[in-house]
Amino acid sequence: MSPNKAEKKAREVIAQLGQVAPPIDVEAVATSLGVRVERADLGDDVSGVLVRRSGQAVIGVNWAHHPNRQRFTIAHELGHFLLHEAGTYIDKGTYARFRDEQSGSGTDWEEVEANAFAAALLMPVSLVREEARRRPFDPADDAALSALAAAFAVSGQAMSIRLANLGLFGQRSS
């Protein structure tokens, strides 16, 4: 799997859900895939966890994190759910993946894929381009970037990275 395949998988999921406007309802996506989402105290260093057992899957999300961070974490864990076989063995028949500081380092290929999936799910390329064209947008304008990020219910940092990866960062809309 690659970031391009992660992007394609996210487009397939969005098409199945039939959502055509931001923000993408990531919890509805999880529900449609049969994945339960639970919020819990996961400590300071853990954003989320995907646990699979006996054909069931649960995403645990750190309730103390900002709602936008929680959305990205859910999308990231859905990326693992759809793209990767299993995670760390916890107990007989139970597999878990934790999202922590190392997850965001960009050094683990499965983490890169899960991040690419999350970005593509929460900020679909067609919707990002449409929103960037629809509203006065200058990526150098912090207020415009914040407004675009708010439309997708993601952080400014996540939107900046997505725009850069799409080749839209640094270009003025017309």
Protein backbone atom coordinates (compact mmCIF):
# COMPACT_ATOMS: atom_id res chain seq x y z
CA MET A 1 0.00 0.00 0.00
CA SER A 2 1.17 3.52 -0.72
CA PRO A 3 -0.11 7.03 -0.04
CA ASN A 4 -1.74 6.97 -3.50
CA LYS A 5 -3.53 3.74 -2.66
CA ALA A 6 -4.49 5.18 0.72
CA GLU A 7 -5.95 8.18 -1.12
CA LYS A 8 -7.88 5.87 -3.44
CA LYS A 9 -9.22 3.82 -0.52
CA ALA A 10 -10.40 7.01 1.22
CA ARG A 11 -12.22 8.11 -1.97
CA GLU A 12 -13.96 4.70 -2.10
CA VAL A 13 -15.09 5.02 1.52
CA ILE A 14 -16.42 8.55 0.98
CA ALA A 15 -18.25 7.44 -2.18
CA GLN A 16 -19.89 4.59 -0.25
CA LEU A 17 -20.97 7.02 2.46
CA GLY A 18 -22.30 9.44 -0.14
CA GLN A 19 -21.07 12.55 1.64
CA VAL A 20 -20.33 15.45 -0.70
CA ALA A 21 -19.66 18.35 1.65
CA PRO A 22 -17.20 19.01 4.46
CA PRO A 23 -16.74 18.20 7.22
CA ILE A 24 -16.73 14.45 6.66
CA ASP A 25 -18.59 12.67 9.45
CA VAL A 26 -15.74 10.37 10.49
CA GLU A 27 -17.80 8.66 13.18
CA ALA A 28 -20.48 7.81 10.60
CA VAL A 29 -17.69 6.35 8.47
CA ALA A 30 -16.57 4.20 11.41
CA THR A 31 -20.12 3.07 12.08
CA SER A 32 -20.67 2.21 8.41
CA LEU A 33 -17.54 0.03 8.57
CA GLY A 34 -18.73 -1.71 11.74
CA VAL A 35 -16.10 -0.06 13.94
CA ARG A 36 -17.16 1.25 17.35
CA VAL A 37 -15.59 4.49 18.63
CA GLU A 38 -15.04 4.98 22.36
CA ARG A 39 -13.52 7.98 24.13
CA ALA A 40 -11.28 7.28 27.09
CA ASP A 41 -8.41 8.62 29.17
CA LEU A 42 -5.41 7.27 27.26
CA GLY A 43 -2.79 9.35 29.06
CA ASP A 44 -0.69 12.20 27.74
CA ASP A 45 1.25 10.30 25.08
CA VAL A 46 -1.46 8.27 23.32
CA SER A 47 -3.96 9.76 20.87
CA GLY A 48 -5.81 6.60 19.97
CA VAL A 49 -5.84 2.85 19.70
CA LEU A 50 -7.39 0.33 17.32
CA VAL A 51 -8.28 -2.98 18.93
CA ARG A 52 -9.47 -5.97 16.91
CA ARG A 53 -10.76 -9.13 18.48
CA SER A 54 -12.91 -11.93 17.17
CA GLY A 55 -13.98 -10.02 14.09
CA GLN A 56 -14.88 -6.90 16.08
CA ALA A 57 -13.02 -3.58 16.04
CA VAL A 58 -13.01 -0.65 18.46
CA ILE A 59 -11.19 2.64 18.17
CA GLY A 60 -10.30 4.24 21.47
CA VAL A 61 -9.76 8.00 21.27
CA ASN A 62 -8.15 10.22 23.88
CA TRP A 63 -11.06 12.27 25.20
CA ALA A 64 -8.68 14.98 26.47
CA HIS A 65 -7.53 15.93 22.97
CA HIS A 66 -9.05 18.71 20.87
CA PRO A 67 -12.09 17.54 18.84
CA ASN A 68 -10.18 18.11 15.57
CA ARG A 69 -7.35 15.92 16.85
CA GLN A 70 -9.88 13.26 17.84
CA ARG A 71 -11.34 13.31 14.31
CA PHE A 72 -7.88 12.86 12.77
CA THR A 73 -7.11 10.05 15.22
CA ILE A 74 -10.33 8.22 14.33
CA ALA A 75 -9.56 8.62 10.62
CA HIS A 76 -5.96 7.45 11.19
CA GLU A 77 -7.11 4.34 13.05
CA LEU A 78 -9.67 3.65 10.30
CA GLY A 79 -6.71 3.76 7.92
CA HIS A 80 -5.04 1.00 9.91
CA PHE A 81 -8.33 -0.92 10.03
CA LEU A 82 -8.74 -0.83 6.25
CA LEU A 83 -5.12 -0.98 5.09
CA HIS A 84 -3.23 -3.15 7.57
CA GLU A 85 -3.67 -6.68 8.81
CA ALA A 86 -3.11 -6.44 12.56
CA GLY A 87 -1.20 -4.58 15.20
CA THR A 88 0.53 -5.39 18.43
CA TYR A 89 -0.51 -8.60 20.14
CA ILE A 90 -2.11 -7.74 23.48
CA ASP A 91 -4.00 -10.82 24.61
CA LYS A 92 -4.99 -14.06 22.97
CA GLY A 93 -6.82 -13.12 19.80
CA THR A 94 -6.57 -9.37 20.44
CA TYR A 95 -4.57 -7.00 18.26
CA ALA A 96 -4.05 -3.33 19.01
CA ARG A 97 -2.38 -0.34 17.39
CA PHE A 98 -1.59 2.77 19.38
CA ARG A 99 -1.20 6.26 17.93
CA ASP A 100 1.55 8.05 19.85
CA GLU A 101 4.46 10.45 19.27
CA GLN A 102 6.33 7.87 17.17
CA SER A 103 3.28 7.49 14.90
CA GLY A 104 3.65 11.02 13.62
CA SER A 105 7.38 10.81 12.99
CA GLY A 106 6.96 9.66 9.39
CA THR A 107 9.43 6.79 9.78
CA ASP A 108 7.03 3.82 9.93
CA TRP A 109 5.49 3.08 6.51
CA GLU A 110 2.19 1.86 7.99
CA GLU A 111 1.93 5.11 9.97
CA VAL A 112 2.63 7.14 6.82
CA GLU A 113 -0.15 5.24 5.04
CA ALA A 114 -2.60 5.69 7.91
CA ASN A 115 -1.83 9.43 8.00
CA ALA A 116 -2.30 9.66 4.21
CA PHE A 117 -5.63 7.85 4.52
CA ALA A 118 -6.76 10.12 7.36
CA ALA A 119 -5.87 13.26 5.42
CA ALA A 120 -7.62 11.99 2.29
CA LEU A 121 -10.70 10.96 4.26
CA LEU A 122 -11.06 14.21 6.20
CA MET A 123 -9.88 16.51 3.41
CA PRO A 124 -10.89 14.88 0.11
CA VAL A 125 -8.98 16.44 -2.79
CA SER A 126 -12.12 17.37 -4.73
CA LEU A 127 -13.70 19.08 -1.72
CA VAL A 128 -10.48 20.89 -0.76
CA ARG A 129 -10.10 22.25 -4.29
CA GLU A 130 -13.77 23.24 -4.42
CA GLU A 131 -13.63 25.03 -1.07
CA ALA A 132 -10.36 26.77 -1.96
CA ARG A 133 -11.97 28.06 -5.19
CA ARG A 134 -15.30 28.94 -3.57
CA ARG A 135 -13.93 31.22 -0.88
CA PRO A 136 -11.31 33.93 -1.15
CA PHE A 137 -8.20 31.95 -0.32
CA ASP A 138 -4.57 32.87 0.00
CA PRO A 139 -2.48 30.18 1.73
CA ALA A 140 -0.20 32.89 3.11
CA ASP A 141 -3.18 34.41 4.93
CA ASP A 142 -3.49 32.73 8.34
CA ALA A 143 -7.15 33.73 8.66
CA ALA A 144 -8.00 32.19 5.28
CA LEU A 145 -6.11 29.01 6.16
CA SER A 146 -7.91 28.84 9.52
CA ALA A 147 -11.28 29.30 7.81
CA LEU A 148 -10.51 26.51 5.33
CA ALA A 149 -9.35 24.24 8.16
CA ALA A 150 -12.51 25.05 10.13
CA ALA A 151 -14.68 24.11 7.15
CA PHE A 152 -13.17 20.62 7.28
CA ALA A 153 -12.96 20.48 11.11
CA VAL A 154 -9.21 19.86 11.02
CA SER A 155 -6.24 21.73 12.46
CA GLY A 156 -4.48 24.45 10.52
CA GLN A 157 -1.38 22.25 10.52
CA ALA A 158 -3.28 19.30 9.00
CA MET A 159 -4.76 21.58 6.33
CA SER A 160 -1.35 23.12 5.56
CA ILE A 161 0.18 19.67 5.08
CA ARG A 162 -2.74 18.56 2.91
CA LEU A 163 -2.51 21.69 0.74
CA ALA A 164 1.23 21.18 0.33
CA ASN A 165 0.77 17.51 -0.60
CA LEU A 166 -1.87 18.49 -3.15
CA GLY A 167 0.37 21.17 -4.63
CA LEU A 168 -2.07 23.90 -3.58
CA PHE A 169 -0.04 25.53 -0.85
CA GLY A 170 1.54 28.75 -2.05
CA GLN A 171 -0.88 29.14 -4.95
CA ARG A 172 -3.56 31.79 -4.99
CA SER A 173 -7.03 30.68 -5.91
CA SER A 174 -8.65 32.22 -8.94
